[in-house]
Amino acid sequence: KSDITQIFTNGKKADELYQKYQEPATGMKAICLPSTSPANAAWHLDK
């Protein structure tokens, strides 16, 4: 129902789960982005 050309995952866990559950059904590769969670302290806001 949309014009999605790219899927992004917010963090490694989302990417892992996407690859396991959705990618086989969609056939679309996702680009994994670093998590915006405060638990991801290695990545400051600017980075």
ModelCIF file with pLDDT and N, C-alpha, C, O atoms, coordinates in Angstrom:
data_MODEL
#
_entry.id   MODEL 
#
_entity.id                         1 
_entity.type                       polymer 
_entity.pdbx_number_of_molecules   1 
#
_entity_poly.entity_id                      1 
_entity_poly.type                           'polypeptide(L)' 
_entity_poly.nstd_linkage                   no 
_entity_poly.nstd_monomer                   no 
_entity_poly.pdbx_seq_one_letter_code       KSDITQIFTNGKKADELYQKYQEPATGMKAICLPSTSPANAAWHLDK 
_entity_poly.pdbx_seq_one_letter_code_can   KSDITQIFTNGKKADELYQKYQEPATGMKAICLPSTSPANAAWHLDK 
_entity_poly.pdbx_strand_id                 A 
#
loop_
_entity_poly_seq.entity_id 
_entity_poly_seq.num 
_entity_poly_seq.mon_id 
_entity_poly_seq.hetero 
1 1  LYS n 
1 2  SER n 
1 3  ASP n 
1 4  ILE n 
1 5  THR n 
1 6  GLN n 
1 7  ILE n 
1 8  PHE n 
1 9  THR n 
1 10 ASN n 
1 11 GLY n 
1 12 LYS n 
1 13 LYS n 
1 14 ALA n 
1 15 ASP n 
1 16 GLU n 
1 17 LEU n 
1 18 TYR n 
1 19 GLN n 
1 20 LYS n 
1 21 TYR n 
1 22 GLN n 
1 23 GLU n 
1 24 PRO n 
1 25 ALA n 
1 26 THR n 
1 27 GLY n 
1 28 MET n 
1 29 LYS n 
1 30 ALA n 
1 31 ILE n 
1 32 CYS n 
1 33 LEU n 
1 34 PRO n 
1 35 SER n 
1 36 THR n 
1 37 SER n 
1 38 PRO n 
1 39 ALA n 
1 40 ASN n 
1 41 ALA n 
1 42 ALA n 
1 43 TRP n 
1 44 HIS n 
1 45 LEU n 
1 46 ASP n 
1 47 LYS n 
#
_struct_asym.id          A 
_struct_asym.entity_id   1 
#
loop_
_ma_qa_metric.id 
_ma_qa_metric.mode 
_ma_qa_metric.name 
_ma_qa_metric.software_group_id 
_ma_qa_metric.type 
1 global pLDDT . pLDDT 
2 local  pLDDT . pLDDT 
#
_ma_qa_metric_global.metric_id      1 
_ma_qa_metric_global.metric_value   95.68 
_ma_qa_metric_global.model_id       1 
_ma_qa_metric_global.ordinal_id     1 
#
loop_
_ma_qa_metric_local.label_asym_id 
_ma_qa_metric_local.label_comp_id 
_ma_qa_metric_local.label_seq_id 
_ma_qa_metric_local.metric_id 
_ma_qa_metric_local.metric_value 
_ma_qa_metric_local.model_id 
_ma_qa_metric_local.ordinal_id 
A LYS 1  2 97.00 1 1  
A SER 2  2 97.00 1 2  
A ASP 3  2 96.00 1 3  
A ILE 4  2 97.00 1 4  
A THR 5  2 97.00 1 5  
A GLN 6  2 98.00 1 6  
A ILE 7  2 98.00 1 7  
A PHE 8  2 98.00 1 8  
A THR 9  2 98.00 1 9  
A ASN 10 2 98.00 1 10 
A GLY 11 2 96.00 1 11 
A LYS 12 2 96.00 1 12 
A LYS 13 2 94.00 1 13 
A ALA 14 2 97.00 1 14 
A ASP 15 2 98.00 1 15 
A GLU 16 2 96.00 1 16 
A LEU 17 2 96.00 1 17 
A TYR 18 2 97.00 1 18 
A GLN 19 2 97.00 1 19 
A LYS 20 2 96.00 1 20 
A TYR 21 2 94.00 1 21 
A GLN 22 2 95.00 1 22 
A GLU 23 2 97.00 1 23 
A PRO 24 2 95.00 1 24 
A ALA 25 2 91.00 1 25 
A THR 26 2 94.00 1 26 
A GLY 27 2 95.00 1 27 
A MET 28 2 96.00 1 28 
A LYS 29 2 97.00 1 29 
A ALA 30 2 98.00 1 30 
A ILE 31 2 98.00 1 31 
A CYS 32 2 98.00 1 32 
A LEU 33 2 98.00 1 33 
A PRO 34 2 98.00 1 34 
A SER 35 2 97.00 1 35 
A THR 36 2 97.00 1 36 
A SER 37 2 93.00 1 37 
A PRO 38 2 88.00 1 38 
A ALA 39 2 87.00 1 39 
A ASN 40 2 91.00 1 40 
A ALA 41 2 89.00 1 41 
A ALA 42 2 93.00 1 42 
A TRP 43 2 96.00 1 43 
A HIS 44 2 95.00 1 44 
A LEU 45 2 96.00 1 45 
A ASP 46 2 97.00 1 46 
A LYS 47 2 97.00 1 47 
#
loop_
_atom_site.group_PDB 
_atom_site.id 
_atom_site.type_symbol 
_atom_site.label_atom_id 
_atom_site.label_alt_id 
_atom_site.label_comp_id 
_atom_site.label_asym_id 
_atom_site.label_entity_id 
_atom_site.label_seq_id 
_atom_site.pdbx_PDB_ins_code 
_atom_site.Cartn_x 
_atom_site.Cartn_y 
_atom_site.Cartn_z 
_atom_site.occupancy 
_atom_site.B_iso_or_equiv 
_atom_site.pdbx_formal_charge 
_atom_site.auth_seq_id 
_atom_site.auth_comp_id 
_atom_site.auth_asym_id 
_atom_site.auth_atom_id 
_atom_site.pdbx_PDB_model_num 
ATOM 1   N N  . LYS A 1 1  ? 0.812  -1.231  0.000  1.00 97.00 ? 1  LYS A N  1 
ATOM 2   C CA . LYS A 1 1  ? 0.000  0.000   0.000  1.00 97.00 ? 1  LYS A CA 1 
ATOM 3   C C  . LYS A 1 1  ? 0.839  1.272   0.000  1.00 97.00 ? 1  LYS A C  1 
ATOM 4   O O  . LYS A 1 1  ? 0.307  2.358   0.229  1.00 97.00 ? 1  LYS A O  1 
ATOM 5   N N  . SER A 1 2  ? 2.132  1.158   -0.251 1.00 97.00 ? 2  SER A N  1 
ATOM 6   C CA . SER A 1 2  ? 3.016  2.326   -0.239 1.00 97.00 ? 2  SER A CA 1 
ATOM 7   C C  . SER A 1 2  ? 4.017  2.208   -1.378 1.00 97.00 ? 2  SER A C  1 
ATOM 8   O O  . SER A 1 2  ? 3.939  1.294   -2.199 1.00 97.00 ? 2  SER A O  1 
ATOM 9   N N  . ASP A 1 3  ? 4.944  3.132   -1.415 1.00 96.00 ? 3  ASP A N  1 
ATOM 10  C CA . ASP A 1 3  ? 5.967  3.162   -2.453 1.00 96.00 ? 3  ASP A CA 1 
ATOM 11  C C  . ASP A 1 3  ? 7.347  2.964   -1.817 1.00 96.00 ? 3  ASP A C  1 
ATOM 12  O O  . ASP A 1 3  ? 8.301  3.656   -2.172 1.00 96.00 ? 3  ASP A O  1 
ATOM 13  N N  . ILE A 1 4  ? 7.450  2.025   -0.883 1.00 97.00 ? 4  ILE A N  1 
ATOM 14  C CA . ILE A 1 4  ? 8.702  1.771   -0.162 1.00 97.00 ? 4  ILE A CA 1 
ATOM 15  C C  . ILE A 1 4  ? 9.778  1.283   -1.134 1.00 97.00 ? 4  ILE A C  1 
ATOM 16  O O  . ILE A 1 4  ? 9.594  0.303   -1.856 1.00 97.00 ? 4  ILE A O  1 
ATOM 17  N N  . THR A 1 5  ? 10.912 2.000   -1.128 1.00 97.00 ? 5  THR A N  1 
ATOM 18  C CA . THR A 1 5  ? 12.038 1.587   -1.957 1.00 97.00 ? 5  THR A CA 1 
ATOM 19  C C  . THR A 1 5  ? 13.207 1.052   -1.121 1.00 97.00 ? 5  THR A C  1 
ATOM 20  O O  . THR A 1 5  ? 14.107 0.399   -1.647 1.00 97.00 ? 5  THR A O  1 
ATOM 21  N N  . GLN A 1 6  ? 13.183 1.340   0.202  1.00 98.00 ? 6  GLN A N  1 
ATOM 22  C CA . GLN A 1 6  ? 14.260 0.856   1.066  1.00 98.00 ? 6  GLN A CA 1 
ATOM 23  C C  . GLN A 1 6  ? 13.741 0.661   2.483  1.00 98.00 ? 6  GLN A C  1 
ATOM 24  O O  . GLN A 1 6  ? 12.939 1.445   2.990  1.00 98.00 ? 6  GLN A O  1 
ATOM 25  N N  . ILE A 1 7  ? 14.221 -0.401  3.100  1.00 98.00 ? 7  ILE A N  1 
ATOM 26  C CA . ILE A 1 7  ? 13.918 -0.695  4.497  1.00 98.00 ? 7  ILE A CA 1 
ATOM 27  C C  . ILE A 1 7  ? 15.187 -0.492  5.306  1.00 98.00 ? 7  ILE A C  1 
ATOM 28  O O  . ILE A 1 7  ? 16.271 -0.922  4.912  1.00 98.00 ? 7  ILE A O  1 
ATOM 29  N N  . PHE A 1 8  ? 15.030 0.176   6.449  1.00 98.00 ? 8  PHE A N  1 
ATOM 30  C CA . PHE A 1 8  ? 16.123 0.380   7.396  1.00 98.00 ? 8  PHE A CA 1 
ATOM 31  C C  . PHE A 1 8  ? 15.726 -0.273  8.711  1.00 98.00 ? 8  PHE A C  1 
ATOM 32  O O  . PHE A 1 8  ? 14.553 -0.273  9.084  1.00 98.00 ? 8  PHE A O  1 
ATOM 33  N N  . THR A 1 9  ? 16.703 -0.825  9.406  1.00 98.00 ? 9  THR A N  1 
ATOM 34  C CA . THR A 1 9  ? 16.454 -1.350  10.742 1.00 98.00 ? 9  THR A CA 1 
ATOM 35  C C  . THR A 1 9  ? 17.204 -0.488  11.742 1.00 98.00 ? 9  THR A C  1 
ATOM 36  O O  . THR A 1 9  ? 18.338 -0.073  11.503 1.00 98.00 ? 9  THR A O  1 
ATOM 37  N N  . ASN A 1 10 ? 16.549 -0.226  12.868 1.00 98.00 ? 10 ASN A N  1 
ATOM 38  C CA . ASN A 1 10 ? 17.128 0.603   13.921 1.00 98.00 ? 10 ASN A CA 1 
ATOM 39  C C  . ASN A 1 10 ? 17.801 -0.318  14.937 1.00 98.00 ? 10 ASN A C  1 
ATOM 40  O O  . ASN A 1 10 ? 17.195 -0.713  15.933 1.00 98.00 ? 10 ASN A O  1 
ATOM 41  N N  . GLY A 1 11 ? 19.044 -0.645  14.672 1.00 96.00 ? 11 GLY A N  1 
ATOM 42  C CA . GLY A 1 11 ? 19.821 -1.470  15.587 1.00 96.00 ? 11 GLY A CA 1 
ATOM 43  C C  . GLY A 1 11 ? 19.986 -2.909  15.139 1.00 96.00 ? 11 GLY A C  1 
ATOM 44  O O  . GLY A 1 11 ? 19.268 -3.399  14.268 1.00 96.00 ? 11 GLY A O  1 
ATOM 45  N N  . LYS A 1 12 ? 20.951 -3.570  15.755 1.00 96.00 ? 12 LYS A N  1 
ATOM 46  C CA . LYS A 1 12 ? 21.320 -4.937  15.368 1.00 96.00 ? 12 LYS A CA 1 
ATOM 47  C C  . LYS A 1 12 ? 20.225 -5.959  15.654 1.00 96.00 ? 12 LYS A C  1 
ATOM 48  O O  . LYS A 1 12 ? 20.015 -6.876  14.860 1.00 96.00 ? 12 LYS A O  1 
ATOM 49  N N  . LYS A 1 13 ? 19.523 -5.812  16.780 1.00 94.00 ? 13 LYS A N  1 
ATOM 50  C CA . LYS A 1 13 ? 18.476 -6.782  17.103 1.00 94.00 ? 13 LYS A CA 1 
ATOM 51  C C  . LYS A 1 13 ? 17.344 -6.693  16.086 1.00 94.00 ? 13 LYS A C  1 
ATOM 52  O O  . LYS A 1 13 ? 16.854 -7.722  15.619 1.00 94.00 ? 13 LYS A O  1 
ATOM 53  N N  . ALA A 1 14 ? 16.924 -5.486  15.737 1.00 97.00 ? 14 ALA A N  1 
ATOM 54  C CA . ALA A 1 14 ? 15.884 -5.323  14.723 1.00 97.00 ? 14 ALA A CA 1 
ATOM 55  C C  . ALA A 1 14 ? 16.345 -5.913  13.396 1.00 97.00 ? 14 ALA A C  1 
ATOM 56  O O  . ALA A 1 14 ? 15.559 -6.547  12.691 1.00 97.00 ? 14 ALA A O  1 
ATOM 57  N N  . ASP A 1 15 ? 17.613 -5.708  13.054 1.00 98.00 ? 15 ASP A N  1 
ATOM 58  C CA . ASP A 1 15 ? 18.138 -6.240  11.797 1.00 98.00 ? 15 ASP A CA 1 
ATOM 59  C C  . ASP A 1 15 ? 18.162 -7.765  11.808 1.00 98.00 ? 15 ASP A C  1 
ATOM 60  O O  . ASP A 1 15 ? 17.764 -8.409  10.837 1.00 98.00 ? 15 ASP A O  1 
ATOM 61  N N  . GLU A 1 16 ? 18.625 -8.327  12.903 1.00 96.00 ? 16 GLU A N  1 
ATOM 62  C CA . GLU A 1 16 ? 18.667 -9.792  13.046 1.00 96.00 ? 16 GLU A CA 1 
ATOM 63  C C  . GLU A 1 16 ? 17.261 -10.385 12.899 1.00 96.00 ? 16 GLU A C  1 
ATOM 64  O O  . GLU A 1 16 ? 17.065 -11.371 12.188 1.00 96.00 ? 16 GLU A O  1 
ATOM 65  N N  . LEU A 1 17 ? 16.296 -9.778  13.572 1.00 96.00 ? 17 LEU A N  1 
ATOM 66  C CA . LEU A 1 17 ? 14.914 -10.265 13.513 1.00 96.00 ? 17 LEU A CA 1 
ATOM 67  C C  . LEU A 1 17 ? 14.309 -10.058 12.125 1.00 96.00 ? 17 LEU A C  1 
ATOM 68  O O  . LEU A 1 17 ? 13.567 -10.910 11.636 1.00 96.00 ? 17 LEU A O  1 
ATOM 69  N N  . TYR A 1 18 ? 14.624 -8.928  11.492 1.00 97.00 ? 18 TYR A N  1 
ATOM 70  C CA . TYR A 1 18 ? 14.142 -8.685  10.134 1.00 97.00 ? 18 TYR A CA 1 
ATOM 71  C C  . TYR A 1 18 ? 14.656 -9.772  9.193  1.00 97.00 ? 18 TYR A C  1 
ATOM 72  O O  . TYR A 1 18 ? 13.886 -10.355 8.431  1.00 97.00 ? 18 TYR A O  1 
ATOM 73  N N  . GLN A 1 19 ? 15.958 -10.042 9.249  1.00 97.00 ? 19 GLN A N  1 
ATOM 74  C CA . GLN A 1 19 ? 16.549 -11.053 8.371  1.00 97.00 ? 19 GLN A CA 1 
ATOM 75  C C  . GLN A 1 19 ? 15.914 -12.421 8.588  1.00 97.00 ? 19 GLN A C  1 
ATOM 76  O O  . GLN A 1 19 ? 15.709 -13.177 7.638  1.00 97.00 ? 19 GLN A O  1 
ATOM 77  N N  . LYS A 1 20 ? 15.610 -12.728 9.823  1.00 96.00 ? 20 LYS A N  1 
ATOM 78  C CA . LYS A 1 20 ? 15.031 -14.039 10.148 1.00 96.00 ? 20 LYS A CA 1 
ATOM 79  C C  . LYS A 1 20 ? 13.574 -14.153 9.711  1.00 96.00 ? 20 LYS A C  1 
ATOM 80  O O  . LYS A 1 20 ? 13.170 -15.173 9.153  1.00 96.00 ? 20 LYS A O  1 
ATOM 81  N N  . TYR A 1 21 ? 12.780 -13.105 9.964  1.00 94.00 ? 21 TYR A N  1 
ATOM 82  C CA . TYR A 1 21 ? 11.338 -13.216 9.769  1.00 94.00 ? 21 TYR A CA 1 
ATOM 83  C C  . TYR A 1 21 ? 10.785 -12.535 8.517  1.00 94.00 ? 21 TYR A C  1 
ATOM 84  O O  . TYR A 1 21 ? 9.926  -13.106 7.844  1.00 94.00 ? 21 TYR A O  1 
ATOM 85  N N  . GLN A 1 22 ? 11.250 -11.339 8.190  1.00 95.00 ? 22 GLN A N  1 
ATOM 86  C CA . GLN A 1 22 ? 10.623 -10.600 7.105  1.00 95.00 ? 22 GLN A CA 1 
ATOM 87  C C  . GLN A 1 22 ? 11.331 -10.699 5.759  1.00 95.00 ? 22 GLN A C  1 
ATOM 88  O O  . GLN A 1 22 ? 10.680 -10.778 4.717  1.00 95.00 ? 22 GLN A O  1 
ATOM 89  N N  . GLU A 1 23 ? 12.638 -10.694 5.777  1.00 97.00 ? 23 GLU A N  1 
ATOM 90  C CA . GLU A 1 23 ? 13.356 -10.708 4.506  1.00 97.00 ? 23 GLU A CA 1 
ATOM 91  C C  . GLU A 1 23 ? 12.971 -11.884 3.611  1.00 97.00 ? 23 GLU A C  1 
ATOM 92  O O  . GLU A 1 23 ? 12.820 -11.691 2.404  1.00 97.00 ? 23 GLU A O  1 
ATOM 93  N N  . PRO A 1 24 ? 12.807 -13.088 4.149  1.00 95.00 ? 24 PRO A N  1 
ATOM 94  C CA . PRO A 1 24 ? 12.384 -14.191 3.270  1.00 95.00 ? 24 PRO A CA 1 
ATOM 95  C C  . PRO A 1 24 ? 11.021 -13.936 2.595  1.00 95.00 ? 24 PRO A C  1 
ATOM 96  O O  . PRO A 1 24 ? 10.791 -14.377 1.469  1.00 95.00 ? 24 PRO A O  1 
ATOM 97  N N  . ALA A 1 25 ? 10.136 -13.233 3.285  1.00 91.00 ? 25 ALA A N  1 
ATOM 98  C CA . ALA A 1 25 ? 8.808  -12.957 2.729  1.00 91.00 ? 25 ALA A CA 1 
ATOM 99  C C  . ALA A 1 25 ? 8.810  -11.774 1.771  1.00 91.00 ? 25 ALA A C  1 
ATOM 100 O O  . ALA A 1 25 ? 8.042  -11.758 0.809  1.00 91.00 ? 25 ALA A O  1 
ATOM 101 N N  . THR A 1 26 ? 9.669  -10.776 2.023  1.00 94.00 ? 26 THR A N  1 
ATOM 102 C CA . THR A 1 26 ? 9.656  -9.562  1.213  1.00 94.00 ? 26 THR A CA 1 
ATOM 103 C C  . THR A 1 26 ? 10.677 -9.592  0.080  1.00 94.00 ? 26 THR A C  1 
ATOM 104 O O  . THR A 1 26 ? 10.474 -8.966  -0.961 1.00 94.00 ? 26 THR A O  1 
ATOM 105 N N  . GLY A 1 27 ? 11.772 -10.320 0.284  1.00 95.00 ? 27 GLY A N  1 
ATOM 106 C CA . GLY A 1 27 ? 12.851 -10.334 -0.689 1.00 95.00 ? 27 GLY A CA 1 
ATOM 107 C C  . GLY A 1 27 ? 13.654 -9.037  -0.708 1.00 95.00 ? 27 GLY A C  1 
ATOM 108 O O  . GLY A 1 27 ? 14.499 -8.844  -1.582 1.00 95.00 ? 27 GLY A O  1 
ATOM 109 N N  . MET A 1 28 ? 13.394 -8.142  0.257  1.00 96.00 ? 28 MET A N  1 
ATOM 110 C CA . MET A 1 28 ? 14.097 -6.860  0.316  1.00 96.00 ? 28 MET A CA 1 
ATOM 111 C C  . MET A 1 28 ? 15.168 -6.888  1.399  1.00 96.00 ? 28 MET A C  1 
ATOM 112 O O  . MET A 1 28 ? 14.900 -7.251  2.544  1.00 96.00 ? 28 MET A O  1 
ATOM 113 N N  . LYS A 1 29 ? 16.377 -6.501  1.025  1.00 97.00 ? 29 LYS A N  1 
ATOM 114 C CA . LYS A 1 29 ? 17.451 -6.360  2.005  1.00 97.00 ? 29 LYS A CA 1 
ATOM 115 C C  . LYS A 1 29 ? 17.235 -5.076  2.792  1.00 97.00 ? 29 LYS A C  1 
ATOM 116 O O  . LYS A 1 29 ? 16.808 -4.062  2.240  1.00 97.00 ? 29 LYS A O  1 
ATOM 117 N N  . ALA A 1 30 ? 17.530 -5.127  4.069  1.00 98.00 ? 30 ALA A N  1 
ATOM 118 C CA . ALA A 1 30 ? 17.449 -3.926  4.909  1.00 98.00 ? 30 ALA A CA 1 
ATOM 119 C C  . ALA A 1 30 ? 18.854 -3.383  5.147  1.00 98.00 ? 30 ALA A C  1 
ATOM 120 O O  . ALA A 1 30 ? 19.837 -4.123  5.122  1.00 98.00 ? 30 ALA A O  1 
ATOM 121 N N  . ILE A 1 31 ? 18.925 -2.098  5.374  1.00 98.00 ? 31 ILE A N  1 
ATOM 122 C CA . ILE A 1 31 ? 20.176 -1.460  5.787  1.00 98.00 ? 31 ILE A CA 1 
ATOM 123 C C  . ILE A 1 31 ? 20.092 -1.277  7.291  1.00 98.00 ? 31 ILE A C  1 
ATOM 124 O O  . ILE A 1 31 ? 19.164 -0.648  7.799  1.00 98.00 ? 31 ILE A O  1 
ATOM 125 N N  . CYS A 1 32 ? 21.066 -1.833  8.001  1.00 98.00 ? 32 CYS A N  1 
ATOM 126 C CA . CYS A 1 32 ? 21.092 -1.745  9.463  1.00 98.00 ? 32 CYS A CA 1 
ATOM 127 C C  . CYS A 1 32 ? 21.767 -0.441  9.884  1.00 98.00 ? 32 CYS A C  1 
ATOM 128 O O  . CYS A 1 32 ? 22.920 -0.176  9.547  1.00 98.00 ? 32 CYS A O  1 
ATOM 129 N N  . LEU A 1 33 ? 21.013 0.359   10.628 1.00 98.00 ? 33 LEU A N  1 
ATOM 130 C CA . LEU A 1 33 ? 21.527 1.605   11.180 1.00 98.00 ? 33 LEU A CA 1 
ATOM 131 C C  . LEU A 1 33 ? 21.837 1.409   12.660 1.00 98.00 ? 33 LEU A C  1 
ATOM 132 O O  . LEU A 1 33 ? 21.202 0.584   13.317 1.00 98.00 ? 33 LEU A O  1 
ATOM 133 N N  . PRO A 1 34 ? 22.803 2.154   13.195 1.00 98.00 ? 34 PRO A N  1 
ATOM 134 C CA . PRO A 1 34 ? 23.093 2.025   14.624 1.00 98.00 ? 34 PRO A CA 1 
ATOM 135 C C  . PRO A 1 34 ? 21.879 2.443   15.451 1.00 98.00 ? 34 PRO A C  1 
ATOM 136 O O  . PRO A 1 34 ? 21.173 3.395   15.116 1.00 98.00 ? 34 PRO A O  1 
ATOM 137 N N  . SER A 1 35 ? 21.662 1.723   16.515 1.00 97.00 ? 35 SER A N  1 
ATOM 138 C CA . SER A 1 35 ? 20.503 1.956   17.373 1.00 97.00 ? 35 SER A CA 1 
ATOM 139 C C  . SER A 1 35 ? 20.514 3.341   17.997 1.00 97.00 ? 35 SER A C  1 
ATOM 140 O O  . SER A 1 35 ? 21.555 3.854   18.406 1.00 97.00 ? 35 SER A O  1 
ATOM 141 N N  . THR A 1 36 ? 19.321 3.935   18.058 1.00 97.00 ? 36 THR A N  1 
ATOM 142 C CA . THR A 1 36 ? 19.162 5.238   18.714 1.00 97.00 ? 36 THR A CA 1 
ATOM 143 C C  . THR A 1 36 ? 18.897 5.090   20.206 1.00 97.00 ? 36 THR A C  1 
ATOM 144 O O  . THR A 1 36 ? 18.729 6.085   20.910 1.00 97.00 ? 36 THR A O  1 
ATOM 145 N N  . SER A 1 37 ? 18.859 3.857   20.689 1.00 93.00 ? 37 SER A N  1 
ATOM 146 C CA . SER A 1 37 ? 18.615 3.591   22.103 1.00 93.00 ? 37 SER A CA 1 
ATOM 147 C C  . SER A 1 37 ? 19.691 4.227   22.980 1.00 93.00 ? 37 SER A C  1 
ATOM 148 O O  . SER A 1 37 ? 20.858 4.294   22.592 1.00 93.00 ? 37 SER A O  1 
ATOM 149 N N  . PRO A 1 38 ? 19.291 4.697   24.169 1.00 88.00 ? 38 PRO A N  1 
ATOM 150 C CA . PRO A 1 38 ? 20.304 5.226   25.086 1.00 88.00 ? 38 PRO A CA 1 
ATOM 151 C C  . PRO A 1 38 ? 21.303 4.150   25.531 1.00 88.00 ? 38 PRO A C  1 
ATOM 152 O O  . PRO A 1 38 ? 22.389 4.473   26.012 1.00 88.00 ? 38 PRO A O  1 
ATOM 153 N N  . ALA A 1 39 ? 20.940 2.886   25.372 1.00 87.00 ? 39 ALA A N  1 
ATOM 154 C CA . ALA A 1 39 ? 21.865 1.798   25.720 1.00 87.00 ? 39 ALA A CA 1 
ATOM 155 C C  . ALA A 1 39 ? 23.052 1.738   24.756 1.00 87.00 ? 39 ALA A C  1 
ATOM 156 O O  . ALA A 1 39 ? 24.086 1.152   25.078 1.00 87.00 ? 39 ALA A O  1 
ATOM 157 N N  . ASN A 1 40 ? 22.907 2.341   23.579 1.00 91.00 ? 40 ASN A N  1 
ATOM 158 C CA . ASN A 1 40 ? 23.976 2.364   22.586 1.00 91.00 ? 40 ASN A CA 1 
ATOM 159 C C  . ASN A 1 40 ? 24.867 3.586   22.835 1.00 91.00 ? 40 ASN A C  1 
ATOM 160 O O  . ASN A 1 40 ? 24.910 4.513   22.026 1.00 91.00 ? 40 ASN A O  1 
ATOM 161 N N  . ALA A 1 41 ? 25.568 3.568   23.956 1.00 89.00 ? 41 ALA A N  1 
ATOM 162 C CA . ALA A 1 41 ? 26.372 4.716   24.394 1.00 89.00 ? 41 ALA A CA 1 
ATOM 163 C C  . ALA A 1 41 ? 27.598 4.949   23.510 1.00 89.00 ? 41 ALA A C  1 
ATOM 164 O O  . ALA A 1 41 ? 28.175 6.036   23.539 1.00 89.00 ? 41 ALA A O  1 
ATOM 165 N N  . ALA A 1 42 ? 28.002 3.954   22.730 1.00 93.00 ? 42 ALA A N  1 
ATOM 166 C CA . ALA A 1 42 ? 29.168 4.112   21.863 1.00 93.00 ? 42 ALA A CA 1 
ATOM 167 C C  . ALA A 1 42 ? 28.914 5.112   20.743 1.00 93.00 ? 42 ALA A C  1 
ATOM 168 O O  . ALA A 1 42 ? 29.859 5.637   20.153 1.00 93.00 ? 42 ALA A O  1 
ATOM 169 N N  . TRP A 1 43 ? 27.662 5.375   20.449 1.00 96.00 ? 43 TRP A N  1 
ATOM 170 C CA . TRP A 1 43 ? 27.300 6.302   19.379 1.00 96.00 ? 43 TRP A CA 1 
ATOM 171 C C  . TRP A 1 43 ? 26.696 7.561   19.976 1.00 96.00 ? 43 TRP A C  1 
ATOM 172 O O  . TRP A 1 43 ? 25.553 7.542   20.433 1.00 96.00 ? 43 TRP A O  1 
ATOM 173 N N  . HIS A 1 44 ? 27.456 8.668   19.981 1.00 95.00 ? 44 HIS A N  1 
ATOM 174 C CA . HIS A 1 44 ? 26.916 9.936   20.457 1.00 95.00 ? 44 HIS A CA 1 
ATOM 175 C C  . HIS A 1 44 ? 25.997 10.515  19.378 1.00 95.00 ? 44 HIS A C  1 
ATOM 176 O O  . HIS A 1 44 ? 26.013 10.059  18.235 1.00 95.00 ? 44 HIS A O  1 
ATOM 177 N N  . LEU A 1 45 ? 25.212 11.503  19.739 1.00 96.00 ? 45 LEU A N  1 
ATOM 178 C CA . LEU A 1 45 ? 24.172 12.034  18.863 1.00 96.00 ? 45 LEU A CA 1 
ATOM 179 C C  . LEU A 1 45 ? 24.708 12.492  17.502 1.00 96.00 ? 45 LEU A C  1 
ATOM 180 O O  . LEU A 1 45 ? 24.126 12.149  16.472 1.00 96.00 ? 45 LEU A O  1 
ATOM 181 N N  . ASP A 1 46 ? 25.784 13.246  17.476 1.00 97.00 ? 46 ASP A N  1 
ATOM 182 C CA . ASP A 1 46 ? 26.317 13.740  16.198 1.00 97.00 ? 46 ASP A CA 1 
ATOM 183 C C  . ASP A 1 46 ? 26.745 12.597  15.286 1.00 97.00 ? 46 ASP A C  1 
ATOM 184 O O  . ASP A 1 46 ? 26.511 12.632  14.078 1.00 97.00 ? 46 ASP A O  1 
ATOM 185 N N  . LYS A 1 47 ? 27.368 11.598  15.871 1.00 97.00 ? 47 LYS A N  1 
ATOM 186 C CA . LYS A 1 47 ? 27.822 10.437  15.092 1.00 97.00 ? 47 LYS A CA 1 
ATOM 187 C C  . LYS A 1 47 ? 26.620 9.668   14.542 1.00 97.00 ? 47 LYS A C  1 
ATOM 188 O O  . LYS A 1 47 ? 26.793 8.658   13.860 1.00 97.00 ? 47 LYS A O  1 
#
